[in-house]
Amino acid sequence: MKELVVISGKGGTGKTSLTASFAALAGSSVIADCDVDAANLHLVMEPETFRHEEFFSGHEAVIRTQDCIKCGRCQALCRFEAIRFEPEGRIFSVDPYNCEGCGVCVDHCPVAAIDFPERRSGTWSLSKTPYGTMAHAKLDPAGENSGQLVSLVRKEAKERAREEGKSLVITDGPPGIGCPVIASVTGASLVLIVTEPTLSGLHDMERVLQLSAHFRVPALVSVNKWDLNQEMTVRIEEKCLEYNVKSAGRVRYDKGVTQAMVKGRPAVLTDIPAATDIRAVWSEVEKALTTLKKEER
C-alpha cells in the first residue's frame, strides 16, 4: 500500500483542490482529510457518512458546585485563569476554553470537589464518496491534540484500504510544519508539496522540503497559479534542484477551479484549462509512485 500526502507550507495554495482531483483521477483509492483544524475536502467529495465517532483527548476540570466549599484555592493556583467566580451566586466554575487540563486544581481541592473527565476534542468519520471511501475529522473549537487526531484518521484510512484491497491512500495534509503536518507525513510513501509563486510561498516551501527530508520521505513540488509570477516560479523550481527534488509540473491560474469547488466538484472533472495541468501533475505523481514500487522490489 502506498500513501500520497499533499501538503503545503501555508494555507490557500490549492492543496485541497489538487487532492480532490487526484482522488477523482485515481479511480481506486481511499481518501483521507488530515487537515483537521480546517477540514474542507468533504465539500467536493459528496460524502455519505456511515460511521461517526467522537474523539477524546486529554482532560478538563469540572467543579461540582454542590460539593464546592468556595475556598477559592483552585482559582489562586490556576496559571491559565480558567477558574471563574460569579459573585452573585458565589459559584466557582471552569472555563473549558481556557482550561489546559493540567490537573493542579484537581490535586489541590481540599474537598475533592473537582472532577477530571476526558475532554471531547472533535469528531471523526468514515464516508462513502463517488471516488472511494474517505476518512475525515473535525477538531472542535479550542480542541487539542490535532496531531493525535491526524494519526487516527490515517490509521482508519489505511485499515479501510486493506479491507477493500486498495493499493493507494491519498491524503490531504494540513499546511505548515507543525505537529499535525509531522503526524501526516511520517511514514508516508510520497509527499507532493503545493506552493504558489510568491516570496512567502518560496520560503514556506523550503521549510516543508526540509521537513520531508528530515523524515526521509520522497517529495515532489508543484507550483499552483504559476503564471501569476513566472519569475518567482523559476526561482522556486531552481530551489527544488538545490534539494534534489523534482517538479511535478505547474498549474495555471484558472477561475474555473474556484467555480468547480463552489459547485462541489473536483476541478479535473470540469472542462477548464487548468484541468489539463492537473492531469499532467497527476501523471508525474503516478510515475513517482510506480518508481517507489520498483525500488522496493
Protein backbone atom coordinates (compact mmCIF):
# COMPACT_ATOMS: atom_id res chain seq x y z
CA MET A 1 0.00 0.00 0.00
CA LYS A 2 1.23 3.47 -0.91
CA GLU A 3 0.27 6.76 0.70
CA LEU A 4 0.48 10.08 -1.12
CA VAL A 5 0.27 13.11 1.17
CA VAL A 6 -0.45 16.52 -0.36
CA ILE A 7 0.90 19.31 1.83
CA SER A 8 1.86 22.97 1.65
CA GLY A 9 3.91 25.43 3.62
CA LYS A 10 0.90 27.70 4.12
CA GLY A 11 -2.85 27.64 3.69
CA GLY A 12 -4.62 28.66 0.49
CA THR A 13 -2.16 27.27 -2.05
CA GLY A 14 -4.70 24.95 -3.71
CA LYS A 15 -3.69 21.79 -1.89
CA THR A 16 -7.24 20.57 -1.31
CA SER A 17 -8.29 21.31 -4.89
CA LEU A 18 -5.48 19.12 -6.19
CA THR A 19 -6.20 16.36 -3.68
CA ALA A 20 -9.84 16.20 -4.77
CA SER A 21 -8.83 15.99 -8.41
CA PHE A 22 -6.25 13.29 -7.70
CA ALA A 23 -8.90 11.22 -5.93
CA ALA A 24 -11.14 11.52 -8.97
CA LEU A 25 -8.31 10.57 -11.35
CA ALA A 26 -7.02 7.67 -9.27
CA GLY A 27 -10.30 5.81 -9.60
CA SER A 28 -9.47 3.25 -6.92
CA SER A 29 -8.13 4.67 -3.69
CA VAL A 30 -9.03 5.57 -0.13
CA ILE A 31 -9.06 9.27 0.71
CA ALA A 32 -8.04 10.90 3.99
CA ASP A 33 -8.59 14.51 5.03
CA CYS A 34 -5.96 15.20 7.69
CA ASP A 35 -6.40 18.97 7.72
CA VAL A 36 -8.47 18.51 10.88
CA ASP A 37 -8.15 22.12 12.05
CA ALA A 38 -9.87 23.38 8.89
CA ALA A 39 -11.32 20.34 7.12
CA ASN A 40 -12.96 21.14 3.79
CA LEU A 41 -12.25 18.24 1.43
CA HIS A 42 -15.73 16.90 2.16
CA LEU A 43 -17.21 19.91 0.37
CA VAL A 44 -16.28 18.41 -3.02
CA MET A 45 -16.33 14.69 -2.20
CA GLU A 46 -20.13 14.26 -1.81
CA PRO A 47 -19.66 12.12 1.31
CA GLU A 48 -22.33 9.80 2.72
CA THR A 49 -21.22 9.13 6.28
CA PHE A 50 -21.64 5.57 7.57
CA ARG A 51 -19.58 5.89 10.75
CA HIS A 52 -19.28 8.89 13.06
CA GLU A 53 -17.33 8.86 16.32
CA GLU A 54 -16.31 11.35 18.98
CA PHE A 55 -12.62 11.99 19.58
CA PHE A 56 -11.46 12.34 23.17
CA SER A 57 -8.03 13.58 24.12
CA GLY A 58 -6.69 14.98 27.37
CA HIS A 59 -8.83 16.02 30.33
CA GLU A 60 -10.66 19.08 31.61
CA ALA A 61 -11.62 20.11 35.11
CA VAL A 62 -15.28 20.33 36.11
CA ILE A 63 -16.27 21.74 39.50
CA ARG A 64 -19.19 20.07 41.30
CA THR A 65 -20.86 23.18 42.65
CA GLN A 66 -22.91 21.24 45.23
CA ASP A 67 -19.70 19.99 46.86
CA CYS A 68 -17.59 23.13 46.44
CA ILE A 69 -16.85 24.96 49.72
CA LYS A 70 -15.94 28.16 47.83
CA CYS A 71 -12.49 28.44 49.32
CA GLY A 72 -11.02 29.83 46.07
CA ARG A 73 -7.87 27.71 46.25
CA CYS A 74 -8.38 26.43 42.68
CA GLN A 75 -8.62 29.95 41.30
CA ALA A 76 -5.49 31.05 43.15
CA LEU A 77 -3.46 28.13 41.79
CA CYS A 78 -4.68 28.16 38.16
CA ARG A 79 -1.99 29.72 35.96
CA PHE A 80 -4.32 29.83 32.94
CA GLU A 81 -7.09 31.89 34.55
CA ALA A 82 -9.57 29.14 33.75
CA ILE A 83 -11.43 29.35 37.07
CA ARG A 84 -14.35 31.76 37.01
CA PHE A 85 -16.13 33.19 40.04
CA GLU A 86 -19.68 34.53 39.88
CA PRO A 87 -20.12 36.95 42.83
CA GLU A 88 -23.93 36.90 42.75
CA GLY A 89 -24.29 33.18 43.31
CA ARG A 90 -20.82 32.77 44.82
CA ILE A 91 -20.17 29.93 42.37
CA PHE A 92 -16.82 28.76 41.05
CA SER A 93 -16.74 27.16 37.61
CA VAL A 94 -14.20 26.21 34.93
CA ASP A 95 -13.93 27.92 31.55
CA PRO A 96 -13.38 24.94 29.20
CA TYR A 97 -11.72 27.13 26.58
CA ASN A 98 -9.02 28.27 29.00
CA CYS A 99 -8.55 25.01 30.87
CA GLU A 100 -5.29 23.32 29.82
CA GLY A 101 -6.07 20.08 31.62
CA CYS A 102 -3.03 20.28 33.91
CA GLY A 103 -4.93 18.91 36.92
CA VAL A 104 -3.47 21.27 39.53
CA CYS A 105 -6.89 22.32 40.77
CA VAL A 106 -7.97 18.68 40.99
CA ASP A 107 -4.94 17.74 43.09
CA HIS A 108 -5.24 20.68 45.50
CA CYS A 109 -9.00 20.90 46.08
CA PRO A 110 -9.37 20.30 49.87
CA VAL A 111 -12.72 18.54 49.46
CA ALA A 112 -12.08 16.75 46.13
CA ALA A 113 -14.97 18.64 44.52
CA ILE A 114 -13.38 18.82 41.06
CA ASP A 115 -13.87 16.03 38.51
CA PHE A 116 -11.36 15.42 35.73
CA PRO A 117 -13.14 13.67 32.83
CA GLU A 118 -11.73 13.11 29.36
CA ARG A 119 -12.14 16.08 27.07
CA ARG A 120 -14.03 15.76 23.80
CA SER A 121 -11.77 17.42 21.25
CA GLY A 122 -13.57 16.66 17.99
CA THR A 123 -15.14 14.00 15.79
CA TRP A 124 -14.01 11.64 13.06
CA SER A 125 -15.97 9.91 10.33
CA LEU A 126 -15.87 7.34 7.56
CA SER A 127 -17.86 8.16 4.45
CA LYS A 128 -18.62 6.75 1.04
CA THR A 129 -17.86 9.06 -1.89
CA PRO A 130 -18.04 8.61 -5.68
CA TYR A 131 -14.23 8.46 -5.64
CA GLY A 132 -13.67 5.98 -2.80
CA THR A 133 -14.05 5.69 0.96
CA MET A 134 -12.96 8.79 2.85
CA ALA A 135 -11.70 9.10 6.41
CA HIS A 136 -12.08 12.62 7.74
CA ALA A 137 -12.33 14.53 11.00
CA LYS A 138 -13.04 17.89 12.53
CA LEU A 139 -11.40 19.38 15.60
CA ASP A 140 -13.71 21.24 17.99
CA PRO A 141 -13.07 24.95 18.65
CA ALA A 142 -10.10 25.14 21.04
CA GLY A 143 -9.72 21.37 20.67
CA GLU A 144 -6.28 19.95 21.35
CA ASN A 145 -4.06 17.16 20.05
CA SER A 146 -4.78 17.66 16.36
CA GLY A 147 -1.68 15.57 15.69
CA GLN A 148 -3.24 12.64 17.50
CA LEU A 149 -6.47 13.09 15.54
CA VAL A 150 -4.47 13.17 12.29
CA SER A 151 -2.83 9.87 13.23
CA LEU A 152 -6.25 8.38 13.92
CA VAL A 153 -7.58 9.47 10.51
CA ARG A 154 -4.55 7.98 8.74
CA LYS A 155 -4.93 4.73 10.69
CA GLU A 156 -8.60 4.41 9.76
CA ALA A 157 -7.88 5.20 6.10
CA LYS A 158 -5.21 2.52 5.89
CA GLU A 159 -7.43 -0.04 7.58
CA ARG A 160 -10.20 0.67 5.06
CA ALA A 161 -7.71 0.38 2.22
CA ARG A 162 -6.63 -3.06 3.46
CA GLU A 163 -10.22 -4.21 3.89
CA GLU A 164 -11.18 -3.01 0.41
CA GLY A 165 -7.99 -4.23 -1.28
CA LYS A 166 -6.96 -0.71 -2.35
CA SER A 167 -3.28 -0.06 -3.00
CA LEU A 168 -3.30 3.73 -2.58
CA VAL A 169 -4.29 6.22 0.10
CA ILE A 170 -4.49 9.87 -0.98
CA THR A 171 -4.19 12.23 1.96
CA ASP A 172 -4.97 15.93 2.13
CA GLY A 173 -2.49 17.11 4.74
CA PRO A 174 -2.53 20.28 6.85
CA PRO A 175 -0.44 23.35 5.99
CA GLY A 176 2.73 24.43 7.77
CA ILE A 177 5.39 22.36 9.53
CA GLY A 178 3.84 21.81 12.96
CA CYS A 179 2.67 18.73 14.81
CA PRO A 180 -0.31 17.94 12.51
CA VAL A 181 1.98 18.02 9.46
CA ILE A 182 4.56 15.79 11.12
CA ALA A 183 1.75 13.36 12.02
CA SER A 184 0.63 13.43 8.37
CA VAL A 185 3.94 12.80 6.61
CA THR A 186 5.72 10.40 8.98
CA GLY A 187 5.93 7.05 7.25
CA ALA A 188 4.26 8.28 4.04
CA SER A 189 5.39 6.94 0.67
CA LEU A 190 5.49 10.29 -1.13
CA VAL A 191 4.62 13.92 -0.46
CA LEU A 192 3.54 16.46 -3.03
CA ILE A 193 4.28 19.99 -1.86
CA VAL A 194 1.93 22.55 -3.40
CA THR A 195 3.22 26.09 -3.41
CA GLU A 196 2.43 29.40 -5.09
CA PRO A 197 4.73 31.85 -6.90
CA THR A 198 5.33 34.35 -4.10
CA LEU A 199 8.25 35.08 -1.84
CA SER A 200 6.41 33.63 1.14
CA GLY A 201 5.49 30.62 -1.00
CA LEU A 202 9.17 30.04 -1.73
CA HIS A 203 10.14 30.40 1.93
CA ASP A 204 7.36 28.16 3.22
CA MET A 205 8.05 25.51 0.56
CA GLU A 206 11.69 25.38 1.62
CA ARG A 207 10.69 24.72 5.24
CA VAL A 208 8.43 21.86 4.14
CA LEU A 209 11.22 20.45 1.95
CA GLN A 210 13.48 20.41 4.99
CA LEU A 211 10.76 18.66 6.99
CA SER A 212 10.23 15.93 4.38
CA ALA A 213 14.00 15.46 4.08
CA HIS A 214 14.30 15.12 7.86
CA PHE A 215 11.77 12.27 7.86
CA ARG A 216 13.27 10.81 4.68
CA VAL A 217 10.03 11.00 2.73
CA PRO A 218 10.46 11.46 -1.05
CA ALA A 219 8.97 14.72 -2.30
CA LEU A 220 7.72 16.40 -5.45
CA VAL A 221 6.76 20.05 -5.86
CA SER A 222 4.01 21.65 -7.92
CA VAL A 223 3.59 25.40 -8.41
CA ASN A 224 -0.06 26.43 -8.46
CA LYS A 225 -1.12 29.65 -10.28
CA TRP A 226 2.40 29.72 -11.73
CA ASP A 227 1.55 32.20 -14.50
CA LEU A 228 0.81 34.98 -11.99
CA ASN A 229 4.53 35.35 -11.33
CA GLN A 230 6.68 33.45 -13.82
CA GLU A 231 9.97 34.79 -12.45
CA MET A 232 9.19 33.51 -8.96
CA THR A 233 8.10 30.17 -10.40
CA VAL A 234 11.55 29.76 -11.92
CA ARG A 235 13.16 30.65 -8.58
CA ILE A 236 11.04 28.04 -6.82
CA GLU A 237 11.97 25.33 -9.30
CA GLU A 238 15.65 26.27 -9.02
CA LYS A 239 15.39 25.96 -5.25
CA CYS A 240 13.91 22.48 -5.70
CA LEU A 241 17.01 21.48 -7.67
CA GLU A 242 19.17 22.52 -4.73
CA TYR A 243 17.28 19.98 -2.63
CA ASN A 244 17.42 17.38 -5.41
CA VAL A 245 13.63 17.43 -5.61
CA LYS A 246 11.83 17.15 -8.94
CA SER A 247 8.99 19.34 -10.13
CA ALA A 248 5.69 17.56 -10.73
CA GLY A 249 4.55 20.36 -13.01
CA ARG A 250 2.75 23.65 -12.96
CA VAL A 251 -0.94 24.54 -12.72
CA ARG A 252 -2.09 27.80 -14.29
CA TYR A 253 -4.39 30.31 -12.60
CA ASP A 254 -7.95 29.48 -13.59
CA LYS A 255 -11.14 30.94 -12.10
CA GLY A 256 -12.83 27.73 -13.18
CA VAL A 257 -11.15 25.90 -10.29
CA THR A 258 -13.00 28.08 -7.79
CA GLN A 259 -16.24 27.72 -9.71
CA ALA A 260 -15.88 23.93 -9.65
CA MET A 261 -15.33 23.99 -5.89
CA VAL A 262 -18.44 26.14 -5.43
CA LYS A 263 -20.41 23.53 -7.37
CA GLY A 264 -18.96 20.78 -5.19
CA ARG A 265 -16.97 19.05 -7.93
CA PRO A 266 -13.27 18.24 -8.35
CA ALA A 267 -11.80 20.72 -10.84
CA VAL A 268 -10.37 17.98 -13.04
CA LEU A 269 -13.88 16.76 -13.89
CA THR A 270 -14.78 20.09 -15.47
CA ASP A 271 -13.91 21.45 -18.89
CA ILE A 272 -11.43 24.13 -17.82
CA PRO A 273 -7.83 24.81 -18.96
CA ALA A 274 -6.36 24.05 -15.52
CA ALA A 275 -7.77 20.52 -15.69
CA THR A 276 -5.15 19.67 -18.31
CA ASP A 277 -2.39 20.89 -15.99
CA ILE A 278 -3.77 18.89 -13.07
CA ARG A 279 -3.84 15.70 -15.15
CA ALA A 280 -0.20 16.31 -16.10
CA VAL A 281 0.78 16.75 -12.44
CA TRP A 282 -1.08 13.57 -11.51
CA SER A 283 0.78 11.72 -14.27
CA GLU A 284 4.11 12.73 -12.70
CA VAL A 285 2.89 11.69 -9.27
CA GLU A 286 1.84 8.29 -10.61
CA LYS A 287 5.26 7.82 -12.18
CA ALA A 288 6.94 8.61 -8.88
CA LEU A 289 4.72 6.15 -7.01
CA THR A 290 5.48 3.46 -9.62
CA THR A 291 9.20 4.12 -9.26
CA LEU A 292 8.90 3.68 -5.50
CA LYS A 293 7.24 0.29 -6.00
CA LYS A 294 10.05 -0.87 -8.27
CA GLU A 295 12.70 0.30 -5.81
CA GLU A 296 11.01 -1.64 -3.01
CA ARG A 297 11.10 -4.83 -5.07
